C-alpha atoms as a PDB file:
ATOM      1  CA  MET A   1      36.846  61.620 -35.024  1.00  0.00           C
ATOM      2  CA  GLY A   2      35.180  64.393 -33.462  1.00  0.00           C
ATOM      3  CA  LEU A   3      33.130  64.986 -30.271  1.00  0.00           C
ATOM      4  CA  SER A   4      29.224  64.412 -31.280  1.00  0.00           C
ATOM      5  CA  PRO A   5      27.481  67.862 -31.136  1.00  0.00           C
ATOM      6  CA  TYR A   6      24.132  65.837 -29.730  1.00  0.00           C
ATOM      7  CA  ARG A   7      26.038  64.386 -26.870  1.00  0.00           C
ATOM      8  CA  LYS A   8      25.229  65.755 -23.076  1.00  0.00           C
ATOM      9  CA  ALA A   9      27.537  68.324 -21.801  1.00  0.00           C
ATOM     10  CA  ILE A  10      30.236  66.342 -19.754  1.00  0.00           C
ATOM     11  CA  MET A  11      32.898  67.734 -17.859  1.00  0.00           C
ATOM     12  CA  VAL A  12      36.304  66.531 -17.024  1.00  0.00           C
ATOM     13  CA  ASP A  13      36.850  65.698 -13.234  1.00  0.00           C
ATOM     14  CA  GLU A  14      39.006  68.229 -11.230  1.00  0.00           C
ATOM     15  CA  SER A  15      40.725  65.357  -9.927  1.00  0.00           C
ATOM     16  CA  LEU A  16      42.187  64.108 -12.972  1.00  0.00           C
ATOM     17  CA  TYR A  17      45.812  65.367 -13.265  1.00  0.00           C
ATOM     18  CA  PHE A  18      47.508  65.759 -16.708  1.00  0.00           C
ATOM     19  CA  PHE A  19      50.861  66.731 -17.918  1.00  0.00           C
ATOM     20  CA  LYS A  20      52.865  67.812 -21.108  1.00  0.00           C
ATOM     21  CA  GLN A  21      53.450  64.247 -21.619  1.00  0.00           C
ATOM     22  CA  ASP A  22      49.572  63.547 -21.665  1.00  0.00           C
ATOM     23  CA  VAL A  23      49.177  66.227 -25.187  1.00  0.00           C
ATOM     24  CA  GLY A  24      47.333  64.395 -27.680  1.00  0.00           C
ATOM     25  CA  LYS A  25      45.880  61.752 -25.239  1.00  0.00           C
ATOM     26  CA  LYS A  26      41.929  61.486 -24.913  1.00  0.00           C
ATOM     27  CA  VAL A  27      39.977  61.372 -21.742  1.00  0.00           C
ATOM     28  CA  TYR A  28      37.611  58.762 -21.829  1.00  0.00           C
ATOM     29  CA  GLU A  29      34.373  58.188 -19.759  1.00  0.00           C
ATOM     30  CA  ILE A  30      33.122  54.319 -19.392  1.00  0.00           C
ATOM     31  CA  GLU A  31      29.789  53.918 -17.501  1.00  0.00           C
ATOM     32  CA  TYR A  32      29.408  50.947 -15.809  1.00  0.00           C
ATOM     33  CA  GLU A  33      26.177  49.641 -13.987  1.00  0.00           C
ATOM     34  CA  THR A  34      25.797  46.933 -11.273  1.00  0.00           C
ATOM     35  CA  THR A  35      22.687  45.941  -9.568  1.00  0.00           C
ATOM     36  CA  TYR A  36      22.612  43.948  -6.173  1.00  0.00           C
ATOM     37  CA  VAL A  37      20.174  41.673  -5.149  1.00  0.00           C
ATOM     38  CA  THR A  38      20.675  40.799  -1.368  1.00  0.00           C
ATOM     39  CA  LYS A  39      19.145  38.491   0.983  1.00  0.00           C
ATOM     40  CA  TRP A  40      19.191  39.120   4.453  1.00  0.00           C
ATOM     41  CA  GLN A  41      18.748  36.475   7.568  1.00  0.00           C
ATOM     42  CA  VAL A  42      17.280  38.372  10.444  1.00  0.00           C
ATOM     43  CA  LEU A  43      16.822  36.957  14.000  1.00  0.00           C
ATOM     44  CA  ALA A  44      13.216  38.242  15.596  1.00  0.00           C
ATOM     45  CA  ASP A  45      10.154  37.144  17.265  1.00  0.00           C
ATOM     46  CA  ASN A  46       8.155  37.799  14.097  1.00  0.00           C
ATOM     47  CA  LYS A  47       7.928  39.416  10.447  1.00  0.00           C
ATOM     48  CA  GLU A  48       7.246  42.876  11.893  1.00  0.00           C
ATOM     49  CA  GLY A  49      10.173  42.734  14.447  1.00  0.00           C
ATOM     50  CA  ALA A  50      12.464  41.333  11.548  1.00  0.00           C
ATOM     51  CA  PHE A  51      11.660  44.356   9.079  1.00  0.00           C
ATOM     52  CA  ASP A  52      12.473  46.747  11.933  1.00  0.00           C
ATOM     53  CA  THR A  53      15.584  45.050  12.959  1.00  0.00           C
ATOM     54  CA  TRP A  54      16.715  44.618   9.304  1.00  0.00           C
ATOM     55  CA  LEU A  55      15.917  48.368   8.655  1.00  0.00           C
ATOM     56  CA  ALA A  56      17.714  49.296  11.831  1.00  0.00           C
ATOM     57  CA  GLU A  57      20.984  47.143  11.283  1.00  0.00           C
ATOM     58  CA  ASN A  58      21.201  46.536   7.677  1.00  0.00           C
ATOM     59  CA  LYS A  59      24.112  48.380   5.648  1.00  0.00           C
ATOM     60  CA  GLN A  60      24.943  48.254   2.494  1.00  0.00           C
ATOM     61  CA  ASP A  61      27.811  50.140   0.017  1.00  0.00           C
ATOM     62  CA  LEU A  62      29.213  47.997  -2.072  1.00  0.00           C
ATOM     63  CA  VAL A  63      30.074  45.724   0.708  1.00  0.00           C
ATOM     64  CA  THR A  64      27.500  44.267   3.196  1.00  0.00           C
ATOM     65  CA  GLU A  65      28.337  44.595   6.953  1.00  0.00           C
ATOM     66  CA  ASP A  66      26.743  41.907   9.466  1.00  0.00           C
ATOM     67  CA  SER A  67      25.568  42.383  13.025  1.00  0.00           C
ATOM     68  CA  ALA A  68      24.858  40.283  15.771  1.00  0.00           C
ATOM     69  CA  ASN A  69      21.228  39.806  15.050  1.00  0.00           C
ATOM     70  CA  CYS A  70      21.330  40.740  11.269  1.00  0.00           C
ATOM     71  CA  VAL A  71      23.679  38.731   8.416  1.00  0.00           C
ATOM     72  CA  CYS A  72      23.729  39.224   4.993  1.00  0.00           C
ATOM     73  CA  SER A  73      23.199  35.668   3.481  1.00  0.00           C
ATOM     74  CA  TYR A  74      23.093  36.025  -0.087  1.00  0.00           C
ATOM     75  CA  VAL A  75      24.281  38.406  -2.435  1.00  0.00           C
ATOM     76  CA  LYS A  76      24.133  38.261  -6.589  1.00  0.00           C
ATOM     77  CA  ASP A  77      25.163  41.076  -8.630  1.00  0.00           C
ATOM     78  CA  TYR A  78      23.900  41.483 -12.079  1.00  0.00           C
ATOM     79  CA  THR A  79      26.561  43.828 -14.444  1.00  0.00           C
ATOM     80  CA  GLN A  80      26.105  45.579 -17.313  1.00  0.00           C
ATOM     81  CA  LEU A  81      29.098  47.648 -19.523  1.00  0.00           C
ATOM     82  CA  GLY A  82      27.589  50.541 -20.657  1.00  0.00           C
ATOM     83  CA  ASN A  83      28.407  53.260 -23.539  1.00  0.00           C
ATOM     84  CA  THR A  84      32.547  54.190 -24.004  1.00  0.00           C
ATOM     85  CA  GLN A  85      32.653  57.871 -25.168  1.00  0.00           C
ATOM     86  CA  ILE A  86      35.768  60.491 -25.509  1.00  0.00           C
ATOM     87  CA  ILE A  87      34.682  63.379 -23.631  1.00  0.00           C
ATOM     88  CA  ALA A  88      37.920  65.477 -23.972  1.00  0.00           C
ATOM     89  CA  GLU A  89      41.641  65.723 -25.147  1.00  0.00           C
ATOM     90  CA  ILE A  90      44.402  67.140 -23.536  1.00  0.00           C
ATOM     91  CA  LYS A  91      46.245  70.036 -25.092  1.00  0.00           C
ATOM     92  CA  TYR A  92      48.954  72.212 -24.563  1.00  0.00           C
ATOM     93  CA  ASN A  93      48.510  76.244 -24.987  1.00  0.00           C
ATOM     94  CA  LYS A  94      52.430  77.023 -25.531  1.00  0.00           C
ATOM     95  CA  GLU A  95      51.853  80.934 -24.931  1.00  0.00           C
ATOM     96  CA  ASP A  96      50.322  80.477 -21.259  1.00  0.00           C
ATOM     97  CA  ASP A  97      52.479  77.163 -20.599  1.00  0.00           C
ATOM     98  CA  GLU A  98      49.422  75.448 -19.904  1.00  0.00           C
ATOM     99  CA  VAL A  99      48.221  72.138 -20.302  1.00  0.00           C
ATOM    100  CA  TYR A 100      44.251  71.744 -20.461  1.00  0.00           C
ATOM    101  CA  ALA A 101      41.269  69.785 -21.458  1.00  0.00           C
ATOM    102  CA  ASP A 102      39.779  70.561 -24.488  1.00  0.00           C
ATOM    103  CA  GLU A 103      35.883  69.579 -24.227  1.00  0.00           C
ATOM    104  CA  SER A 104      34.692  70.947 -27.342  1.00  0.00           C
END
């Protein structure tokens, strides 16, 4: 099964290393989407102050961080597994003694 001519151009990441023993393997890209809903409890004098404190002190990555006046009290994630597709095949060029990702 070849690569579709209609797929978007995807480059193999330079930090992905491959060697002779990888010849014949494929490089796959797996798409994984996560949406987080967070609720924060903020100690403040009024609504505007709560928003200002939240804006200044909340930190969100994949992990939440609390501060003295602003703590994450609820997190729920919604996930969906996306498409898995072949983006390259690892090949070996004997002439140049080079292992490379054929993205064609």
